[in-house]
C-alpha atoms as a PDB file:
ATOM      1  CA  MET A   1       0.000   0.000   0.000  1.00  0.00           C
ATOM      2  CA  SER A   2       1.560   3.291  -1.110  1.00  0.00           C
ATOM      3  CA  THR A   3       2.041   6.171   1.308  1.00  0.00           C
ATOM      4  CA  ILE A   4       3.835   8.472  -1.160  1.00  0.00           C
ATOM      5  CA  ARG A   5       2.881   9.006  -4.786  1.00  0.00           C
ATOM      6  CA  VAL A   6       4.838  11.438  -6.964  1.00  0.00           C
ATOM      7  CA  THR A   7       3.743  12.148 -10.538  1.00  0.00           C
ATOM      8  CA  GLY A   8       5.518  14.291 -13.130  1.00  0.00           C
ATOM      9  CA  LEU A   9       7.518  16.176 -10.511  1.00  0.00           C
ATOM     10  CA  ARG A  10       9.615  19.055 -11.780  1.00  0.00           C
ATOM     11  CA  VAL A  11      11.619  21.369  -9.513  1.00  0.00           C
ATOM     12  CA  ARG A  12      13.571  24.390 -10.697  1.00  0.00           C
ATOM     13  CA  HIS A  13      16.154  26.507  -8.913  1.00  0.00           C
ATOM     14  CA  ARG A  14      16.150  29.697 -10.955  1.00  0.00           C
ATOM     15  CA  ARG A  15      17.222  28.475 -14.411  1.00  0.00           C
ATOM     16  CA  THR A  16      18.410  25.062 -13.258  1.00  0.00           C
ATOM     17  CA  VAL A  17      16.100  22.056 -13.406  1.00  0.00           C
ATOM     18  CA  ALA A  18      16.727  20.025 -10.226  1.00  0.00           C
ATOM     19  CA  LEU A  19      14.050  17.361 -10.849  1.00  0.00           C
ATOM     20  CA  ASP A  20      12.763  16.594 -14.303  1.00  0.00           C
ATOM     21  CA  GLY A  21       9.572  14.537 -14.539  1.00  0.00           C
ATOM     22  CA  VAL A  22      10.081  12.231 -11.537  1.00  0.00           C
ATOM     23  CA  ASP A  23       7.473   9.513 -10.944  1.00  0.00           C
ATOM     24  CA  LEU A  24       7.682   7.494  -7.711  1.00  0.00           C
ATOM     25  CA  THR A  25       5.421   5.319  -5.624  1.00  0.00           C
ATOM     26  CA  LEU A  26       6.677   4.366  -2.160  1.00  0.00           C
ATOM     27  CA  GLY A  27       5.185   2.295   0.620  1.00  0.00           C
ATOM     28  CA  ARG A  28       6.207   1.060   4.026  1.00  0.00           C
ATOM     29  CA  GLY A  29       9.877   0.170   4.488  1.00  0.00           C
ATOM     30  CA  VAL A  30      13.290   1.823   4.314  1.00  0.00           C
ATOM     31  CA  HIS A  31      14.026   3.428   0.951  1.00  0.00           C
ATOM     32  CA  GLY A  32      17.533   4.512   0.039  1.00  0.00           C
ATOM     33  CA  LEU A  33      17.883   7.612  -2.133  1.00  0.00           C
ATOM     34  CA  LEU A  34      21.218   7.622  -3.946  1.00  0.00           C
ATOM     35  CA  GLY A  35      22.842   9.775  -6.584  1.00  0.00           C
ATOM     36  CA  PRO A  36      25.833  11.983  -7.307  1.00  0.00           C
ATOM     37  CA  ASN A  37      26.048  15.593  -6.151  1.00  0.00           C
ATOM     38  CA  GLY A  38      23.433  17.671  -7.941  1.00  0.00           C
ATOM     39  CA  ALA A  39      21.266  14.668  -8.799  1.00  0.00           C
ATOM     40  CA  GLY A  40      18.217  16.168  -7.053  1.00  0.00           C
ATOM     41  CA  LYS A  41      18.128  14.141  -3.827  1.00  0.00           C
ATOM     42  CA  THR A  42      17.782  17.098  -1.471  1.00  0.00           C
ATOM     43  CA  SER A  43      15.276  18.780  -3.785  1.00  0.00           C
ATOM     44  CA  LEU A  44      13.084  15.668  -3.671  1.00  0.00           C
ATOM     45  CA  ILE A  45      13.356  15.392   0.130  1.00  0.00           C
ATOM     46  CA  ARG A  46      12.426  19.071   0.555  1.00  0.00           C
ATOM     47  CA  VAL A  47       9.340  18.718  -1.636  1.00  0.00           C
ATOM     48  CA  LEU A  48       8.245  15.617   0.280  1.00  0.00           C
ATOM     49  CA  ALA A  49       8.820  17.496   3.551  1.00  0.00           C
ATOM     50  CA  THR A  50       6.478  20.251   2.240  1.00  0.00           C
ATOM     51  CA  VAL A  51       9.140  22.940   2.708  1.00  0.00           C
ATOM     52  CA  ALA A  52       9.585  23.463  -1.059  1.00  0.00           C
ATOM     53  CA  GLN A  53       7.033  23.675  -3.835  1.00  0.00           C
ATOM     54  CA  PRO A  54       7.438  22.017  -7.238  1.00  0.00           C
ATOM     55  CA  ALA A  55       7.196  23.857 -10.527  1.00  0.00           C
ATOM     56  CA  GLU A  56       5.033  21.060 -11.915  1.00  0.00           C
ATOM     57  CA  GLY A  57       3.607  17.721 -10.862  1.00  0.00           C
ATOM     58  CA  ARG A  58       1.548  16.203  -8.099  1.00  0.00           C
ATOM     59  CA  VAL A  59       2.672  14.889  -4.704  1.00  0.00           C
ATOM     60  CA  GLU A  60       0.382  12.828  -2.492  1.00  0.00           C
ATOM     61  CA  ILE A  61       1.504  11.856   1.005  1.00  0.00           C
ATOM     62  CA  LEU A  62      -0.666   9.698   3.241  1.00  0.00           C
ATOM     63  CA  GLY A  63      -3.567  10.262   0.866  1.00  0.00           C
ATOM     64  CA  GLU A  64      -3.274  14.052   0.971  1.00  0.00           C
ATOM     65  CA  ASP A  65      -2.411  16.274  -1.990  1.00  0.00           C
ATOM     66  CA  VAL A  66       0.306  18.519  -0.542  1.00  0.00           C
ATOM     67  CA  GLY A  67      -0.180  20.947  -3.403  1.00  0.00           C
ATOM     68  CA  GLU A  68      -3.241  22.141  -1.496  1.00  0.00           C
ATOM     69  CA  ALA A  69      -2.108  24.500   1.257  1.00  0.00           C
ATOM     70  CA  GLY A  70      -4.868  23.394   3.615  1.00  0.00           C
ATOM     71  CA  ARG A  71      -3.628  19.804   3.521  1.00  0.00           C
ATOM     72  CA  ARG A  72      -0.003  20.474   4.390  1.00  0.00           C
ATOM     73  CA  GLY A  73      -0.557  20.987   8.119  1.00  0.00           C
ATOM     74  CA  THR A  74      -2.254  17.594   8.389  1.00  0.00           C
ATOM     75  CA  VAL A  75       0.659  15.922   6.619  1.00  0.00           C
ATOM     76  CA  ARG A  76       3.334  17.763   8.613  1.00  0.00           C
ATOM     77  CA  ARG A  77       1.958  16.443  11.903  1.00  0.00           C
ATOM     78  CA  ARG A  78       2.583  12.916  10.607  1.00  0.00           C
ATOM     79  CA  LEU A  79       6.035  13.636   9.141  1.00  0.00           C
ATOM     80  CA  GLY A  80       9.514  13.432  10.575  1.00  0.00           C
ATOM     81  CA  TYR A  81      12.223  15.435   8.800  1.00  0.00           C
ATOM     82  CA  LEU A  82      15.950  15.838   9.262  1.00  0.00           C
ATOM     83  CA  PRO A  83      17.462  18.256   6.719  1.00  0.00           C
ATOM     84  CA  GLN A  84      21.092  18.113   5.708  1.00  0.00           C
ATOM     85  CA  GLU A  85      21.704  21.260   7.766  1.00  0.00           C
ATOM     86  CA  PHE A  86      19.256  21.455  10.635  1.00  0.00           C
ATOM     87  CA  GLY A  87      18.840  24.527  12.802  1.00  0.00           C
ATOM     88  CA  HIS A  88      18.863  24.269  16.579  1.00  0.00           C
ATOM     89  CA  TYR A  89      19.147  26.415  19.673  1.00  0.00           C
ATOM     90  CA  PRO A  90      22.577  25.901  21.310  1.00  0.00           C
ATOM     91  CA  GLY A  91      21.282  26.981  24.720  1.00  0.00           C
ATOM     92  CA  PHE A  92      18.578  24.302  24.832  1.00  0.00           C
ATOM     93  CA  THR A  93      19.219  20.981  26.476  1.00  0.00           C
ATOM     94  CA  VAL A  94      18.674  17.842  24.416  1.00  0.00           C
ATOM     95  CA  ARG A  95      15.391  17.198  26.242  1.00  0.00           C
ATOM     96  CA  GLU A  96      14.202  20.792  25.843  1.00  0.00           C
ATOM     97  CA  PHE A  97      14.924  20.887  22.128  1.00  0.00           C
ATOM     98  CA  VAL A  98      13.195  17.588  21.330  1.00  0.00           C
ATOM     99  CA  ALA A  99      10.229  18.672  23.479  1.00  0.00           C
ATOM    100  CA  TYR A 100      10.090  21.969  21.585  1.00  0.00           C
ATOM    101  CA  VAL A 101       9.854  20.112  18.262  1.00  0.00           C
ATOM    102  CA  ALA A 102       7.163  17.853  19.753  1.00  0.00           C
ATOM    103  CA  TRP A 103       5.203  21.009  20.599  1.00  0.00           C
ATOM    104  CA  LEU A 104       5.658  22.309  17.035  1.00  0.00           C
ATOM    105  CA  LYS A 105       4.243  19.010  15.770  1.00  0.00           C
ATOM    106  CA  GLU A 106       1.260  19.465  18.096  1.00  0.00           C
ATOM    107  CA  LEU A 107       1.802  16.311  20.144  1.00  0.00           C
ATOM    108  CA  PRO A 108      -0.665  16.183  23.046  1.00  0.00           C
ATOM    109  CA  ALA A 109       0.933  17.693  26.128  1.00  0.00           C
ATOM    110  CA  ALA A 110       0.190  14.607  28.200  1.00  0.00           C
ATOM    111  CA  ASP A 111       2.056  12.393  25.723  1.00  0.00           C
ATOM    112  CA  THR A 112       5.064  14.638  25.127  1.00  0.00           C
ATOM    113  CA  PRO A 113       7.358  13.753  28.091  1.00  0.00           C
ATOM    114  CA  ALA A 114       7.249  10.021  27.367  1.00  0.00           C
ATOM    115  CA  ALA A 115       7.657  10.609  23.609  1.00  0.00           C
ATOM    116  CA  VAL A 116      10.704  12.814  24.213  1.00  0.00           C
ATOM    117  CA  GLU A 117      12.366  10.302  26.537  1.00  0.00           C
ATOM    118  CA  ARG A 118      11.731   7.485  24.076  1.00  0.00           C
ATOM    119  CA  ALA A 119      13.185   9.419  21.144  1.00  0.00           C
ATOM    120  CA  VAL A 120      16.277  10.487  23.080  1.00  0.00           C
ATOM    121  CA  GLU A 121      16.900   6.933  24.287  1.00  0.00           C
ATOM    122  CA  ARG A 122      16.487   5.506  20.796  1.00  0.00           C
ATOM    123  CA  VAL A 123      19.371   7.612  19.502  1.00  0.00           C
ATOM    124  CA  GLY A 124      21.594   6.720  22.455  1.00  0.00           C
ATOM    125  CA  LEU A 125      21.543  10.085  24.227  1.00  0.00           C
ATOM    126  CA  GLY A 126      19.642   9.160  27.365  1.00  0.00           C
ATOM    127  CA  ASP A 127      22.656   9.990  29.517  1.00  0.00           C
ATOM    128  CA  ARG A 128      23.044  13.402  27.837  1.00  0.00           C
ATOM    129  CA  ALA A 129      19.394  14.477  27.931  1.00  0.00           C
ATOM    130  CA  ASP A 130      20.179  17.431  30.206  1.00  0.00           C
ATOM    131  CA  ALA A 131      23.302  18.520  28.319  1.00  0.00           C
ATOM    132  CA  ARG A 132      23.084  21.775  26.381  1.00  0.00           C
ATOM    133  CA  LEU A 133      23.430  21.420  22.632  1.00  0.00           C
ATOM    134  CA  ARG A 134      26.412  23.752  22.496  1.00  0.00           C
ATOM    135  CA  THR A 135      28.402  21.272  24.606  1.00  0.00           C
ATOM    136  CA  LEU A 136      27.815  18.303  22.284  1.00  0.00           C
ATOM    137  CA  SER A 137      30.016  16.983  19.502  1.00  0.00           C
ATOM    138  CA  GLY A 138      28.882  17.248  15.905  1.00  0.00           C
ATOM    139  CA  GLY A 139      27.904  13.585  15.864  1.00  0.00           C
ATOM    140  CA  MET A 140      25.812  13.988  19.013  1.00  0.00           C
ATOM    141  CA  VAL A 141      24.042  17.031  17.575  1.00  0.00           C
ATOM    142  CA  ARG A 142      23.241  14.940  14.506  1.00  0.00           C
ATOM    143  CA  ARG A 143      21.694  12.307  16.781  1.00  0.00           C
ATOM    144  CA  VAL A 144      19.595  15.040  18.402  1.00  0.00           C
ATOM    145  CA  GLY A 145      18.420  15.848  14.886  1.00  0.00           C
ATOM    146  CA  ILE A 146      17.342  12.240  14.411  1.00  0.00           C
ATOM    147  CA  ALA A 147      15.578  12.290  17.796  1.00  0.00           C
ATOM    148  CA  GLN A 148      13.523  15.366  16.886  1.00  0.00           C
ATOM    149  CA  ALA A 149      12.583  13.724  13.583  1.00  0.00           C
ATOM    150  CA  ILE A 150      11.171  10.604  15.267  1.00  0.00           C
ATOM    151  CA  VAL A 151       9.628  12.138  18.397  1.00  0.00           C
ATOM    152  CA  ASN A 152       6.114  11.991  16.925  1.00  0.00           C
ATOM    153  CA  ASP A 153       6.456   8.374  15.722  1.00  0.00           C
ATOM    154  CA  PRO A 154       5.975   9.605  12.143  1.00  0.00           C
ATOM    155  CA  ASP A 155       4.234   7.658   9.403  1.00  0.00           C
ATOM    156  CA  VAL A 156       6.714   9.159   6.921  1.00  0.00           C
ATOM    157  CA  LEU A 157      10.314   9.843   7.945  1.00  0.00           C
ATOM    158  CA  LEU A 158      12.628  11.873   5.678  1.00  0.00           C
ATOM    159  CA  LEU A 159      16.339  11.885   6.470  1.00  0.00           C
ATOM    160  CA  ASP A 160      18.886  13.843   4.430  1.00  0.00           C
ATOM    161  CA  GLU A 161      22.450  12.584   5.048  1.00  0.00           C
ATOM    162  CA  PRO A 162      21.557  11.388   8.559  1.00  0.00           C
ATOM    163  CA  THR A 163      24.843   9.568   9.268  1.00  0.00           C
ATOM    164  CA  ALA A 164      27.072  12.597   8.634  1.00  0.00           C
ATOM    165  CA  GLY A 165      29.335  12.886  11.673  1.00  0.00           C
ATOM    166  CA  LEU A 166      28.412   9.513  13.156  1.00  0.00           C
ATOM    167  CA  ASP A 167      31.233   7.117  13.974  1.00  0.00           C
ATOM    168  CA  PRO A 168      31.160   3.508  12.644  1.00  0.00           C
ATOM    169  CA  GLU A 169      29.568   2.067  15.800  1.00  0.00           C
ATOM    170  CA  GLN A 170      26.863   4.745  15.803  1.00  0.00           C
ATOM    171  CA  ARG A 171      26.165   4.089  12.129  1.00  0.00           C
ATOM    172  CA  VAL A 172      25.605   0.394  12.845  1.00  0.00           C
ATOM    173  CA  GLU A 173      23.181   1.308  15.650  1.00  0.00           C
ATOM    174  CA  PHE A 174      21.442   3.804  13.363  1.00  0.00           C
ATOM    175  CA  ARG A 175      20.931   1.165  10.678  1.00  0.00           C
ATOM    176  CA  ALA A 176      19.238  -1.070  13.239  1.00  0.00           C
ATOM    177  CA  LEU A 177      16.995   1.841  14.261  1.00  0.00           C
ATOM    178  CA  LEU A 178      16.053   2.419  10.618  1.00  0.00           C
ATOM    179  CA  ARG A 179      15.085  -1.195  10.119  1.00  0.00           C
ATOM    180  CA  GLY A 180      12.840  -1.026  13.183  1.00  0.00           C
ATOM    181  CA  LEU A 181      11.198   2.207  12.026  1.00  0.00           C
ATOM    182  CA  GLY A 182      10.641   0.812   8.538  1.00  0.00           C
ATOM    183  CA  ALA A 183       8.443  -1.965   9.905  1.00  0.00           C
ATOM    184  CA  SER A 184       5.609   0.514  10.456  1.00  0.00           C
ATOM    185  CA  ALA A 185       6.564   3.667   8.515  1.00  0.00           C
ATOM    186  CA  THR A 186       7.828   4.878   5.163  1.00  0.00           C
ATOM    187  CA  VAL A 187      11.444   5.912   5.699  1.00  0.00           C
ATOM    188  CA  ILE A 188      13.469   7.694   3.009  1.00  0.00           C
ATOM    189  CA  VAL A 189      17.208   8.042   3.565  1.00  0.00           C
ATOM    190  CA  SER A 190      19.176  10.289   1.237  1.00  0.00           C
ATOM    191  CA  THR A 191      22.863   9.444   1.459  1.00  0.00           C
ATOM    192  CA  HIS A 192      26.188   9.244  -0.343  1.00  0.00           C
ATOM    193  CA  LEU A 193      27.097   6.125   1.661  1.00  0.00           C
ATOM    194  CA  VAL A 194      26.124   3.178  -0.495  1.00  0.00           C
ATOM    195  CA  GLU A 195      27.021   0.733   2.278  1.00  0.00           C
ATOM    196  CA  ASP A 196      24.337   2.239   4.535  1.00  0.00           C
ATOM    197  CA  VAL A 197      21.770   1.530   1.829  1.00  0.00           C
ATOM    198  CA  ALA A 198      22.990  -2.036   1.450  1.00  0.00           C
ATOM    199  CA  ALA A 199      22.745  -2.659   5.195  1.00  0.00           C
ATOM    200  CA  ALA A 200      19.462  -0.967   6.061  1.00  0.00           C
ATOM    201  CA  CYS A 201      17.253  -0.397   3.014  1.00  0.00           C
ATOM    202  CA  THR A 202      14.598  -2.569   1.409  1.00  0.00           C
ATOM    203  CA  GLU A 203      14.561  -0.578  -1.822  1.00  0.00           C
ATOM    204  CA  VAL A 204      16.809   1.832  -3.695  1.00  0.00           C
ATOM    205  CA  THR A 205      16.014   4.816  -5.902  1.00  0.00           C
ATOM    206  CA  LEU A 206      18.959   6.207  -7.832  1.00  0.00           C
ATOM    207  CA  LEU A 207      18.652   9.745  -9.182  1.00  0.00           C
ATOM    208  CA  ASP A 208      20.853  11.151 -11.910  1.00  0.00           C
ATOM    209  CA  ALA A 209      20.572  14.689 -13.280  1.00  0.00           C
ATOM    210  CA  GLY A 210      17.077  15.060 -11.835  1.00  0.00           C
ATOM    211  CA  ARG A 211      15.686  11.834 -13.233  1.00  0.00           C
ATOM    212  CA  VAL A 212      15.136   8.334 -11.893  1.00  0.00           C
ATOM    213  CA  ALA A 213      17.996   6.151 -13.137  1.00  0.00           C
ATOM    214  CA  TYR A 214      17.207   2.980 -11.183  1.00  0.00           C
ATOM    215  CA  ARG A 215      14.572   1.482  -8.919  1.00  0.00           C
ATOM    216  CA  GLY A 216      15.043  -1.873  -7.258  1.00  0.00           C
ATOM    217  CA  THR A 217      16.397  -3.730  -4.265  1.00  0.00           C
ATOM    218  CA  PRO A 218      19.927  -3.429  -2.881  1.00  0.00           C
ATOM    219  CA  ASP A 219      20.484  -7.071  -3.881  1.00  0.00           C
ATOM    220  CA  ALA A 220      19.514  -6.303  -7.469  1.00  0.00           C
ATOM    221  CA  LEU A 221      21.857  -3.314  -7.512  1.00  0.00           C
ATOM    222  CA  SER A 222      24.636  -5.505  -6.134  1.00  0.00           C
ATOM    223  CA  ALA A 223      23.928  -8.031  -8.886  1.00  0.00           C
ATOM    224  CA  LEU A 224      24.664  -5.341 -11.465  1.00  0.00           C
ATOM    225  CA  GLY A 225      28.034  -4.886  -9.787  1.00  0.00           C
ATOM    226  CA  GLU A 226      28.753  -8.602  -9.738  1.00  0.00           C
ATOM    227  CA  ASP A 227      28.095  -8.713 -13.483  1.00  0.00           C
ATOM    228  CA  SER A 228      30.346  -5.726 -14.084  1.00  0.00           C
ATOM    229  CA  ASP A 229      33.837  -6.431 -15.411  1.00  0.00           C
ATOM    230  CA  ASP A 230      35.108  -3.067 -14.190  1.00  0.00           C
ATOM    231  CA  GLU A 231      36.894  -4.103 -11.002  1.00  0.00           C
ATOM    232  CA  GLY A 232      38.551  -0.718 -10.679  1.00  0.00           C
ATOM    233  CA  VAL A 233      35.305   1.062  -9.772  1.00  0.00           C
ATOM    234  CA  GLY A 234      34.002   0.576  -6.229  1.00  0.00           C
ATOM    235  CA  ASP A 235      35.182  -1.597  -3.382  1.00  0.00           C
ATOM    236  CA  ASN A 236      32.222  -3.989  -3.445  1.00  0.00           C
ATOM    237  CA  PRO A 237      29.414  -5.178  -5.749  1.00  0.00           C
ATOM    238  CA  ILE A 238      26.819  -2.585  -4.686  1.00  0.00           C
ATOM    239  CA  GLU A 239      29.211   0.296  -5.355  1.00  0.00           C
ATOM    240  CA  ARG A 240      30.052  -1.184  -8.770  1.00  0.00           C
ATOM    241  CA  GLY A 241      26.321  -1.679  -9.360  1.00  0.00           C
ATOM    242  CA  TYR A 242      25.721   1.991  -8.530  1.00  0.00           C
ATOM    243  CA  THR A 243      28.275   2.983 -11.163  1.00  0.00           C
ATOM    244  CA  ALA A 244      26.870   0.522 -13.712  1.00  0.00           C
ATOM    245  CA  ALA A 245      23.327   1.849 -13.221  1.00  0.00           C
ATOM    246  CA  LEU A 246      24.499   5.441 -13.715  1.00  0.00           C
ATOM    247  CA  ARG A 247      26.353   4.511 -16.893  1.00  0.00           C
ATOM    248  CA  ALA A 248      23.371   2.638 -18.281  1.00  0.00           C
ATOM    249  CA  HIS A 249      21.052   5.558 -17.573  1.00  0.00           C
ATOM    250  CA  ARG A 250      23.389   8.070 -19.170  1.00  0.00           C
ATOM    251  CA  ALA A 251      23.725   5.874 -22.240  1.00  0.00           C
ATOM    252  CA  SER A 252      20.000   5.256 -22.721  1.00  0.00           C
ATOM    253  CA  GLY A 253      18.315   8.160 -20.948  1.00  0.00           C
ATOM    254  CA  THR A 254      15.853   5.762 -19.300  1.00  0.00           C
ATOM    255  CA  PRO A 255      15.902   3.693 -16.103  1.00  0.00           C
ATOM    256  CA  LEU A 256      17.209   0.159 -16.383  1.00  0.00           C
ATOM    257  CA  GLU A 257      14.625  -2.170 -17.876  1.00  0.00           C
ATOM    258  CA  GLY A 258      12.644  -3.919 -15.163  1.00  0.00           C
ATOM    259  CA  ALA A 259      13.981  -1.608 -12.444  1.00  0.00           C
ATOM    260  CA  ALA A 260      11.559   1.300 -12.751  1.00  0.00           C
ATOM    261  CA  ARG A 261       8.142   1.376 -11.088  1.00  0.00           C
END
């Protein structure tokens, strides 16, 4: 059952076309969003988060057309969003900041304390809940960003480069968290780290120059890499598959046959 449906999506930044006729249907699970710099990943995340408006196309989230201004508030209460650069108040404690975001998302006051504690614990910051954000490392601040995104137990969770600044152990823990969240929500993770997609995602969308270049599973993308005879590109099959999918798209101008949906 789809929770996100994107049809004919075009996004422009002045004279640059960031997304060019993107069609996507996404349901429950963890979806990896890959692509080179400038492929349109952040533009797509921002449109889905309802913080940017497309030039053309239709976006439905949880059955609501977010092109209608009156529908956006309903959707936002059921969204979680971590932008690539997220703003925060350095003087707030971890608990205060996550509670503030819970208030912005209109969580019932009676439910907020427990929701905040749960979110902070899930990102491994229970022992730093009373620490002020200005005293935290960059990786810890990033985990606070993840906590604020999940405090409302969102039905749709949008994460733009969420593992930036996390150490290897924290990334492993984060992947496990993603898999748990994907059991009941639609999670979209935009990342440059192909290995995170391989470890945590059920499906992959590869963007290239604003268009969908590949849709499929991480295993299918890895299979492209196993079939590739270019051993000098990528350290493992999924990285070689990523490169092979980009090359195929650039050669044909269409997604790989059988991979698009």
